[in-house]
Amino acid sequence: MDDDVRLRTPRLLLRGWRAADREPFARLNADPAVMEHFPRLRTRRESDTGVDRIEAHLAEHGFGLWAVEVAATGEFVGFTGLQQTVFPAHFTPAVEVGWRLARHAWGRGYATEAARAAVAFGFDECGLGEIVSFTVPANVRSRAVMRRLGMRHSSADDFDHPALPEGHPLKRHVLYRLGADDR
């Protein structure tokens, strides 16, 4: 296995970030369809800063948002992985499973396949007791991935994201949970 490959699935490699990933990641973050459920598109500089933060998290925690590569082609298609979530909310601190894939990679099961590997890593290698995921209620694609992972939603867990101002259309979020014993 390559030194930077952390997880391998039947079709994907979840690996460390490479310099060559930055340009396609910036395109992904500037795509209105990909960023529909986020407050705004990202500039190239913001995208690069995001990669820097992701790499720092990976180095500090031994897990994070890994670059996702299609094994058969070597194509970078986005990220999937685990990250510490520490903003003030009733469920934090927590570890979140998350993903963001280029639009052309949608509908192929990549998000679910990669997220399953990340969740298994979190429970089996990191000894986590619970993993969460959250999004806006309208993000039906991500919510479907959460359900395919076996995550459960309770409306009692829904919350207003503290990083967004009152009245923002994306402020309300749904929370999904998966316990180590629930798999």
Protein backbone atom coordinates (compact mmCIF):
# COMPACT_ATOMS: atom_id res chain seq x y z
CA MET A 1 0.00 0.00 0.00
CA ASP A 2 1.23 3.51 -0.79
CA ASP A 3 2.58 5.39 2.21
CA ASP A 4 -0.18 7.99 2.02
CA VAL A 5 -3.08 5.51 1.63
CA ARG A 6 -4.87 5.19 4.96
CA LEU A 7 -7.94 3.16 3.96
CA ARG A 8 -8.78 1.06 0.94
CA THR A 9 -12.27 0.04 -0.21
CA PRO A 10 -13.16 -2.08 -3.23
CA ARG A 11 -13.13 1.01 -5.48
CA LEU A 12 -11.54 3.84 -3.52
CA LEU A 13 -8.41 4.94 -1.72
CA LEU A 14 -8.72 7.26 1.26
CA ARG A 15 -5.32 8.85 1.56
CA GLY A 16 -3.28 11.83 2.57
CA TRP A 17 -3.55 14.99 0.54
CA ARG A 18 -1.20 15.75 -2.35
CA ALA A 19 -0.34 19.08 -3.94
CA ALA A 20 -2.10 17.94 -7.11
CA ASP A 21 -5.39 17.60 -5.17
CA ARG A 22 -5.64 21.31 -4.46
CA GLU A 23 -6.80 22.44 -7.91
CA PRO A 24 -9.62 19.90 -8.30
CA PHE A 25 -10.61 20.52 -4.67
CA ALA A 26 -10.86 24.25 -5.38
CA ARG A 27 -13.06 23.53 -8.43
CA LEU A 28 -15.28 21.31 -6.28
CA ASN A 29 -15.62 24.06 -3.64
CA ALA A 30 -16.53 26.59 -6.35
CA ASP A 31 -19.28 24.40 -7.84
CA PRO A 32 -22.73 25.75 -6.90
CA ALA A 33 -24.30 22.27 -7.01
CA VAL A 34 -21.69 20.78 -4.65
CA MET A 35 -21.92 23.74 -2.28
CA GLU A 36 -25.72 24.09 -2.41
CA HIS A 37 -26.14 23.28 1.28
CA PHE A 38 -23.21 25.40 2.47
CA PRO A 39 -23.35 29.14 3.19
CA ARG A 40 -21.20 30.09 0.18
CA LEU A 41 -18.78 29.00 -2.49
CA ARG A 42 -15.09 28.97 -1.59
CA THR A 43 -12.29 30.84 -3.31
CA ARG A 44 -9.08 29.07 -4.24
CA ARG A 45 -7.34 30.66 -1.27
CA GLU A 46 -10.11 29.52 1.12
CA SER A 47 -10.00 26.05 -0.39
CA ASP A 48 -6.22 25.84 0.10
CA THR A 49 -6.58 27.07 3.69
CA GLY A 50 -9.16 24.33 4.20
CA VAL A 51 -6.68 21.70 2.99
CA ASP A 52 -4.07 23.11 5.38
CA ARG A 53 -6.53 22.75 8.30
CA ILE A 54 -7.45 19.22 7.18
CA GLU A 55 -3.78 18.21 7.04
CA ALA A 56 -3.15 19.69 10.51
CA HIS A 57 -6.12 17.74 11.91
CA LEU A 58 -4.84 14.51 10.32
CA ALA A 59 -1.39 15.07 11.82
CA GLU A 60 -2.76 15.88 15.28
CA HIS A 61 -5.41 13.17 15.60
CA GLY A 62 -4.32 10.33 13.30
CA PHE A 63 -7.65 10.59 11.49
CA GLY A 64 -9.37 13.28 9.52
CA LEU A 65 -10.85 14.12 6.16
CA TRP A 66 -8.86 11.97 3.76
CA ALA A 67 -8.58 12.69 0.06
CA VAL A 68 -10.68 10.20 -1.92
CA GLU A 69 -9.15 8.70 -5.05
CA VAL A 70 -10.81 6.31 -7.50
CA ALA A 71 -8.45 3.33 -7.36
CA ALA A 72 -8.92 2.29 -11.00
CA THR A 73 -8.11 5.72 -12.45
CA GLY A 74 -6.14 7.61 -9.79
CA GLU A 75 -8.66 10.47 -10.02
CA PHE A 76 -9.16 12.69 -6.97
CA VAL A 77 -12.92 13.07 -6.37
CA GLY A 78 -13.17 14.80 -2.98
CA PHE A 79 -12.84 13.93 0.69
CA THR A 80 -14.37 11.63 3.26
CA GLY A 81 -13.40 10.98 6.83
CA LEU A 82 -13.68 11.86 10.47
CA GLN A 83 -13.14 15.16 12.22
CA GLN A 84 -13.39 16.58 15.68
CA THR A 85 -16.42 18.82 16.08
CA VAL A 86 -16.07 21.26 18.93
CA PHE A 87 -18.41 24.17 18.19
CA PRO A 88 -20.89 24.79 21.01
CA ALA A 89 -23.87 22.43 20.68
CA HIS A 90 -25.64 19.91 22.90
CA PHE A 91 -23.75 16.98 21.30
CA THR A 92 -20.21 18.39 21.20
CA PRO A 93 -17.41 17.61 21.52
CA ALA A 94 -17.98 14.82 19.03
CA VAL A 95 -16.41 13.09 16.06
CA GLU A 96 -18.24 13.65 12.79
CA VAL A 97 -18.14 11.58 9.64
CA GLY A 98 -18.28 13.84 6.61
CA TRP A 99 -17.80 13.87 2.87
CA ARG A 100 -17.75 16.22 -0.10
CA LEU A 101 -17.45 14.83 -3.58
CA ALA A 102 -17.22 16.38 -7.03
CA ARG A 103 -20.56 16.42 -8.84
CA HIS A 104 -19.39 13.98 -11.53
CA ALA A 105 -18.70 11.42 -8.76
CA TRP A 106 -22.26 11.55 -7.38
CA GLY A 107 -24.66 8.65 -7.76
CA ARG A 108 -21.97 5.96 -7.78
CA GLY A 109 -22.09 5.01 -4.10
CA TYR A 110 -18.66 6.52 -3.42
CA ALA A 111 -19.79 8.62 -0.43
CA THR A 112 -21.37 5.63 1.29
CA GLU A 113 -18.47 3.30 0.48
CA ALA A 114 -15.85 5.74 1.74
CA ALA A 115 -17.86 6.78 4.79
CA ARG A 116 -18.38 3.14 5.81
CA ALA A 117 -14.61 2.67 5.78
CA ALA A 118 -14.10 5.87 7.81
CA VAL A 119 -16.75 4.86 10.36
CA ALA A 120 -15.23 1.38 10.73
CA PHE A 121 -11.83 2.99 11.27
CA GLY A 122 -13.28 5.29 13.93
CA PHE A 123 -14.85 2.46 15.86
CA ASP A 124 -12.30 -0.30 15.29
CA GLU A 125 -9.00 1.61 15.25
CA CYS A 126 -9.77 4.71 17.31
CA GLY A 127 -12.12 3.12 19.82
CA LEU A 128 -14.80 5.78 19.42
CA GLY A 129 -18.08 5.16 21.19
CA GLU A 130 -20.18 7.31 18.85
CA ILE A 131 -19.89 9.05 15.49
CA VAL A 132 -22.25 11.80 14.38
CA SER A 133 -23.10 13.48 11.10
CA PHE A 134 -25.18 16.57 10.42
CA THR A 135 -26.49 18.68 7.58
CA VAL A 136 -29.37 20.97 6.69
CA PRO A 137 -32.78 19.27 6.45
CA ALA A 138 -32.97 19.83 2.68
CA ASN A 139 -29.76 17.91 1.95
CA VAL A 140 -31.56 14.68 1.07
CA ARG A 141 -28.52 13.13 -0.65
CA SER A 142 -26.33 13.35 2.46
CA ARG A 143 -29.18 12.30 4.71
CA ALA A 144 -29.62 9.18 2.55
CA VAL A 145 -25.91 8.36 3.02
CA MET A 146 -26.33 8.77 6.78
CA ARG A 147 -29.23 6.32 6.77
CA ARG A 148 -27.28 3.83 4.63
CA LEU A 149 -24.53 3.99 7.26
CA GLY A 150 -27.09 2.92 9.86
CA MET A 151 -27.15 6.33 11.53
CA ARG A 152 -30.31 7.36 13.33
CA HIS A 153 -32.04 10.73 13.44
CA SER A 154 -34.17 12.11 16.25
CA SER A 155 -35.82 15.49 15.80
CA ALA A 156 -34.99 16.14 19.48
CA ASP A 157 -31.31 16.33 18.39
CA ASP A 158 -31.85 18.93 15.66
CA PHE A 159 -29.98 22.17 16.32
CA ASP A 160 -29.20 25.63 15.05
CA HIS A 161 -25.63 25.82 13.76
CA PRO A 162 -23.81 28.42 15.88
CA ALA A 163 -21.61 29.61 13.00
CA LEU A 164 -24.60 30.97 11.09
CA PRO A 165 -26.53 34.11 12.02
CA GLU A 166 -30.15 34.08 13.16
CA GLY A 167 -32.50 33.98 10.20
CA HIS A 168 -29.98 32.36 7.86
CA PRO A 169 -31.78 29.77 5.70
CA LEU A 170 -29.14 27.10 6.49
CA LYS A 171 -29.02 27.67 10.25
CA ARG A 172 -31.20 24.67 11.21
CA HIS A 173 -29.41 21.30 11.09
CA VAL A 174 -30.41 17.69 11.56
CA LEU A 175 -28.15 15.42 13.59
CA TYR A 176 -27.62 11.70 12.95
CA ARG A 177 -25.87 9.38 15.42
CA LEU A 178 -24.27 5.96 15.27
CA GLY A 179 -22.99 4.17 18.36
CA ALA A 180 -20.26 1.57 18.26
CA ASP A 181 -22.76 -1.01 19.51
CA ASP A 182 -25.38 -0.06 16.91
CA ARG A 183 -23.49 -1.33 13.87
